[in-house]
N, C-alpha and C. Protein backbone atom coordinates (compact mmCIF):
# COMPACT_ATOMS: atom_id res chain seq x y z
N MET A 1 -4.64 -15.56 10.78
CA MET A 1 -4.26 -15.13 11.64
C MET A 1 -2.71 -14.49 11.56
N ASP A 2 -1.66 -15.85 11.49
CA ASP A 2 -0.40 -15.93 11.97
C ASP A 2 -0.45 -14.76 10.28
N ASP A 3 -0.74 -14.96 9.14
CA ASP A 3 -0.37 -14.78 7.64
C ASP A 3 -0.29 -13.07 8.20
N GLU A 4 -1.42 -12.80 8.69
CA GLU A 4 -2.21 -11.03 8.92
C GLU A 4 -0.83 -10.35 9.80
N LEU A 5 0.00 -11.00 11.19
CA LEU A 5 1.11 -10.25 12.03
C LEU A 5 2.19 -10.43 11.33
N GLY A 6 2.45 -11.45 10.13
CA GLY A 6 3.27 -11.69 9.02
C GLY A 6 3.07 -10.48 7.76
N ASP A 7 2.50 -10.42 7.50
CA ASP A 7 2.14 -9.18 6.37
C ASP A 7 1.85 -7.77 6.95
N ILE A 8 1.69 -7.29 8.24
CA ILE A 8 1.74 -6.30 8.91
C ILE A 8 2.98 -5.97 9.42
N ARG A 9 3.48 -6.97 9.60
CA ARG A 9 5.60 -6.61 9.76
C ARG A 9 6.11 -5.75 8.28
N TYR A 10 5.62 -7.04 7.23
CA TYR A 10 6.29 -6.88 6.05
C TYR A 10 5.76 -5.45 5.80
N ILE A 11 4.77 -5.11 6.16
CA ILE A 11 4.43 -3.29 5.79
C ILE A 11 5.36 -2.05 6.92
N ILE A 12 4.92 -3.06 8.20
CA ILE A 12 6.05 -2.04 8.77
C ILE A 12 7.27 -1.73 8.58
N ASN A 13 7.87 -2.71 8.02
CA ASN A 13 9.40 -3.01 7.51
C ASN A 13 10.02 -2.18 6.46
N SER A 14 9.10 -1.43 5.69
CA SER A 14 9.76 -0.43 4.68
C SER A 14 8.88 0.66 4.77
N LYS A 15 9.59 1.94 5.07
CA LYS A 15 8.78 3.16 4.69
C LYS A 15 8.15 3.40 3.63
N TYR A 16 8.45 3.11 2.13
CA TYR A 16 7.39 2.88 1.26
C TYR A 16 6.29 1.67 1.11
N ARG A 17 6.44 0.94 1.86
CA ARG A 17 5.50 0.29 1.64
C ARG A 17 4.52 1.39 2.57
N GLN A 18 4.70 1.50 3.71
CA GLN A 18 3.99 2.36 4.70
C GLN A 18 3.34 3.38 3.99
N TYR A 19 4.21 4.37 3.57
CA TYR A 19 4.00 5.22 2.35
C TYR A 19 2.23 5.08 1.53
N VAL A 20 2.61 3.78 0.90
CA VAL A 20 1.79 2.88 -0.07
C VAL A 20 0.42 2.74 0.67
N VAL A 21 0.30 2.00 1.76
CA VAL A 21 -0.91 1.61 2.19
C VAL A 21 -1.44 3.16 3.16
N GLN A 22 -0.85 4.04 3.70
CA GLN A 22 -1.15 4.95 4.42
C GLN A 22 -2.45 5.80 3.33
N ASP A 23 -1.62 5.95 1.89
CA ASP A 23 -2.22 6.66 1.09
C ASP A 23 -3.39 5.91 0.59
N LEU A 24 -2.81 4.59 0.56
CA LEU A 24 -4.70 3.98 -0.22
C LEU A 24 -5.74 3.80 1.31
N SER A 25 -5.21 3.84 2.24
CA SER A 25 -6.12 4.09 3.06
C SER A 25 -7.25 4.92 3.44
N GLU A 26 -6.83 5.91 2.53
CA GLU A 26 -7.58 6.97 2.50
C GLU A 26 -8.37 6.99 1.24
N GLY A 27 -8.34 6.18 0.19
CA GLY A 27 -8.68 5.92 -0.88
C GLY A 27 -8.26 5.50 -2.42
N ILE A 28 -8.38 5.40 -3.18
CA ILE A 28 -7.65 4.73 -4.65
C ILE A 28 -6.65 6.30 -4.93
N SER A 29 -5.51 5.96 -5.72
CA SER A 29 -4.61 6.65 -6.05
C SER A 29 -3.69 6.14 -6.88
N TYR A 30 -3.22 6.98 -7.26
CA TYR A 30 -1.85 6.74 -9.10
C TYR A 30 -0.64 6.69 -7.92
N PRO A 31 0.19 6.05 -8.28
CA PRO A 31 1.62 6.02 -8.27
C PRO A 31 2.82 7.40 -7.56
N THR A 32 2.04 8.07 -8.88
CA THR A 32 2.70 9.54 -9.18
C THR A 32 2.12 10.07 -7.89
N LYS A 33 0.43 10.08 -7.53
CA LYS A 33 0.22 10.79 -6.09
C LYS A 33 1.18 10.35 -5.07
N ILE A 34 1.17 9.70 -4.87
CA ILE A 34 1.53 8.56 -3.64
C ILE A 34 3.01 8.87 -2.88
N LYS A 35 3.94 9.27 -4.20
CA LYS A 35 5.17 9.45 -4.83
C LYS A 35 5.27 10.60 -4.54
N ASP A 36 4.81 11.93 -4.74
CA ASP A 36 4.51 13.29 -4.48
C ASP A 36 4.01 14.08 -3.01
N ASN A 37 2.94 12.79 -2.38
CA ASN A 37 2.86 13.45 -1.23
C ASN A 37 4.04 12.64 -0.07
N HIS A 38 4.82 12.00 -0.50
CA HIS A 38 5.63 11.90 0.67
C HIS A 38 7.27 12.50 0.25
N ASP A 39 7.40 12.90 -0.66
CA ASP A 39 8.64 13.24 -1.53
C ASP A 39 9.41 11.88 -1.57
N ALA A 40 8.72 11.03 -2.36
CA ALA A 40 9.59 9.67 -3.00
C ALA A 40 9.89 9.62 -3.88
N ARG A 41 11.05 8.67 -4.54
CA ARG A 41 11.22 8.10 -5.69
C ARG A 41 10.47 7.68 -6.16
N LEU A 42 9.82 7.59 -7.64
CA LEU A 42 8.89 6.64 -8.16
C LEU A 42 9.05 5.12 -8.17
N PRO A 43 10.52 4.64 -8.76
CA PRO A 43 10.88 3.33 -8.79
C PRO A 43 10.70 2.85 -7.38
N ASN A 44 10.45 3.25 -6.21
CA ASN A 44 10.87 3.12 -5.18
C ASN A 44 9.30 2.73 -4.46
N ILE A 45 7.96 3.60 -5.24
CA ILE A 45 6.80 3.64 -4.92
C ILE A 45 6.56 2.15 -5.47
N SER A 46 7.14 2.34 -7.03
CA SER A 46 6.52 1.49 -7.84
C SER A 46 6.78 -0.25 -7.56
N ARG A 47 8.08 -0.08 -6.64
CA ARG A 47 8.39 -1.23 -6.29
C ARG A 47 7.20 -1.66 -4.71
N ALA A 48 7.32 -1.20 -4.05
CA ALA A 48 6.76 -1.67 -2.74
C ALA A 48 5.03 -1.97 -3.51
N LEU A 49 4.47 -1.07 -4.58
CA LEU A 49 2.92 -1.48 -5.11
C LEU A 49 3.22 -2.91 -5.50
N THR A 50 3.89 -3.46 -6.55
CA THR A 50 4.72 -4.55 -7.23
C THR A 50 4.16 -5.48 -5.79
N GLU A 51 5.27 -5.50 -4.66
CA GLU A 51 5.38 -6.48 -3.57
C GLU A 51 3.67 -6.36 -2.68
N LEU A 52 3.18 -5.54 -2.78
CA LEU A 52 2.02 -5.83 -1.94
C LEU A 52 1.17 -6.27 -2.67
N ARG A 53 1.14 -6.33 -3.99
CA ARG A 53 -0.14 -6.67 -4.65
C ARG A 53 0.56 -7.91 -4.97
N GLU A 54 1.83 -8.74 -4.75
CA GLU A 54 2.12 -10.40 -4.96
C GLU A 54 1.17 -10.59 -3.40
N ARG A 55 1.46 -9.53 -2.66
CA ARG A 55 0.68 -10.51 -1.22
C ARG A 55 -0.53 -9.74 -1.73
N ASN A 56 -1.19 -9.75 -2.16
CA ASN A 56 -2.93 -9.22 -2.17
C ASN A 56 -2.89 -8.24 -1.47
N ILE A 57 -2.56 -6.90 -1.34
CA ILE A 57 -2.61 -6.27 -0.23
C ILE A 57 -3.20 -5.14 -0.89
N VAL A 58 -2.90 -4.96 -2.20
CA VAL A 58 -3.10 -3.89 -2.53
C VAL A 58 -3.62 -4.37 -4.74
N GLU A 59 -4.56 -3.48 -5.55
CA GLU A 59 -4.83 -4.12 -6.42
C GLU A 59 -4.72 -2.88 -7.23
N VAL A 60 -4.93 -3.12 -8.62
CA VAL A 60 -4.90 -2.02 -9.62
C VAL A 60 -6.50 -2.36 -9.50
N VAL A 61 -7.58 -0.95 -9.82
CA VAL A 61 -9.06 -0.98 -10.27
C VAL A 61 -8.77 -0.67 -11.77
N ALA A 62 -7.62 0.50 -12.21
CA ALA A 62 -8.03 0.55 -13.60
C ALA A 62 -6.51 0.72 -13.89
N ASP A 63 -6.62 -0.09 -15.63
CA ASP A 63 -4.85 0.40 -15.89
C ASP A 63 -5.30 1.06 -17.32
N GLU A 64 -5.38 2.49 -16.81
CA GLU A 64 -5.71 3.05 -18.12
C GLU A 64 -4.60 4.49 -18.10
N HIS A 65 -4.78 5.46 -19.31
CA HIS A 65 -3.88 6.92 -19.37
C HIS A 65 -4.27 7.93 -18.25
N PRO A 66 -3.45 8.30 -17.22
CA PRO A 66 -2.33 8.53 -17.34
C PRO A 66 -1.75 7.07 -16.40
N GLY A 67 -2.25 6.21 -16.01
CA GLY A 67 -0.91 5.33 -15.27
C GLY A 67 -2.19 4.22 -14.42
N LYS A 68 -1.95 3.40 -14.00
CA LYS A 68 -2.13 2.28 -13.01
C LYS A 68 -3.28 2.94 -11.95
N LEU A 69 -4.37 2.77 -11.48
CA LEU A 69 -4.89 3.16 -10.16
C LEU A 69 -5.18 2.19 -9.39
N TYR A 70 -4.43 2.72 -8.12
CA TYR A 70 -4.41 1.34 -6.66
C TYR A 70 -5.60 1.38 -5.95
N ALA A 71 -6.17 0.65 -5.23
CA ALA A 71 -6.25 0.28 -4.10
C ALA A 71 -6.26 -0.59 -3.10
N LEU A 72 -6.57 -0.52 -2.15
CA LEU A 72 -6.38 -1.79 -0.78
C LEU A 72 -7.32 -2.65 -1.29
N THR A 73 -7.16 -3.73 -1.29
CA THR A 73 -8.19 -5.13 -1.08
C THR A 73 -8.77 -5.23 -0.16
N ASP A 74 -9.78 -6.13 0.38
CA ASP A 74 -10.42 -6.27 1.59
C ASP A 74 -9.22 -6.94 2.66
N TYR A 75 -8.61 -7.99 2.48
CA TYR A 75 -7.48 -8.18 3.03
C TYR A 75 -6.76 -6.79 3.52
N GLY A 76 -6.00 -6.34 2.86
CA GLY A 76 -5.59 -4.92 2.52
C GLY A 76 -6.19 -4.30 3.15
N GLU A 77 -7.56 -3.97 4.09
CA GLU A 77 -8.01 -2.74 4.44
C GLU A 77 -8.52 -3.54 5.67
N THR A 78 -8.16 -5.06 6.22
CA THR A 78 -8.67 -5.83 7.44
C THR A 78 -7.07 -4.99 8.24
N LEU A 79 -5.67 -5.48 7.22
CA LEU A 79 -4.65 -4.98 7.72
C LEU A 79 -4.50 -3.89 8.72
N VAL A 80 -5.02 -2.90 7.64
CA VAL A 80 -4.72 -1.95 7.86
C VAL A 80 -5.50 -1.05 9.00
N GLU A 81 -6.71 -1.78 8.98
CA GLU A 81 -7.35 -1.63 10.57
C GLU A 81 -6.56 -2.22 11.44
N ARG A 82 -6.07 -2.83 11.47
CA ARG A 82 -5.22 -3.51 12.81
C ARG A 82 -4.21 -2.73 13.01
N ILE A 83 -3.54 -2.07 11.73
CA ILE A 83 -1.84 -1.22 12.07
C ILE A 83 -2.66 -0.48 12.85
N TYR A 84 -3.73 0.51 12.66
CA TYR A 84 -4.12 1.56 13.34
C TYR A 84 -4.52 1.31 14.42
N GLU A 85 -4.95 0.33 14.91
CA GLU A 85 -5.79 0.01 16.41
C GLU A 85 -4.36 -0.49 17.10
N GLU A 86 -3.47 -0.97 16.76
CA GLU A 86 -2.44 -1.27 17.65
C GLU A 86 -1.28 -0.13 17.19
N GLU A 87 -1.74 1.23 16.90
CA GLU A 87 -1.00 2.19 16.53
C GLU A 87 0.55 1.86 15.77
N LEU A 88 0.44 1.10 15.29
CA LEU A 88 1.90 0.77 14.31
C LEU A 88 2.63 2.16 13.34
N PHE A 89 1.45 2.64 12.56
CA PHE A 89 1.80 3.64 12.18
C PHE A 89 1.95 5.25 12.81
């Protein structure tokens, strides 16, 4: 439970991590699509994806051309549910 709260804080403390989690809560996606949806820079989205992968919030589901395809992990989906329940997005 405490880890969840820490990870929720971690997500909401970065607009780029929020962008990633919001988009992936709607389904799998490529970093470029997330970037385009939020008019963000790709390096910022890529960094957010790496950080969230390190915390087991997102995962790579395909690593083929034209790039890696990402999804929320089960843990990431649990966090998103809590974030929306608490209306933190």
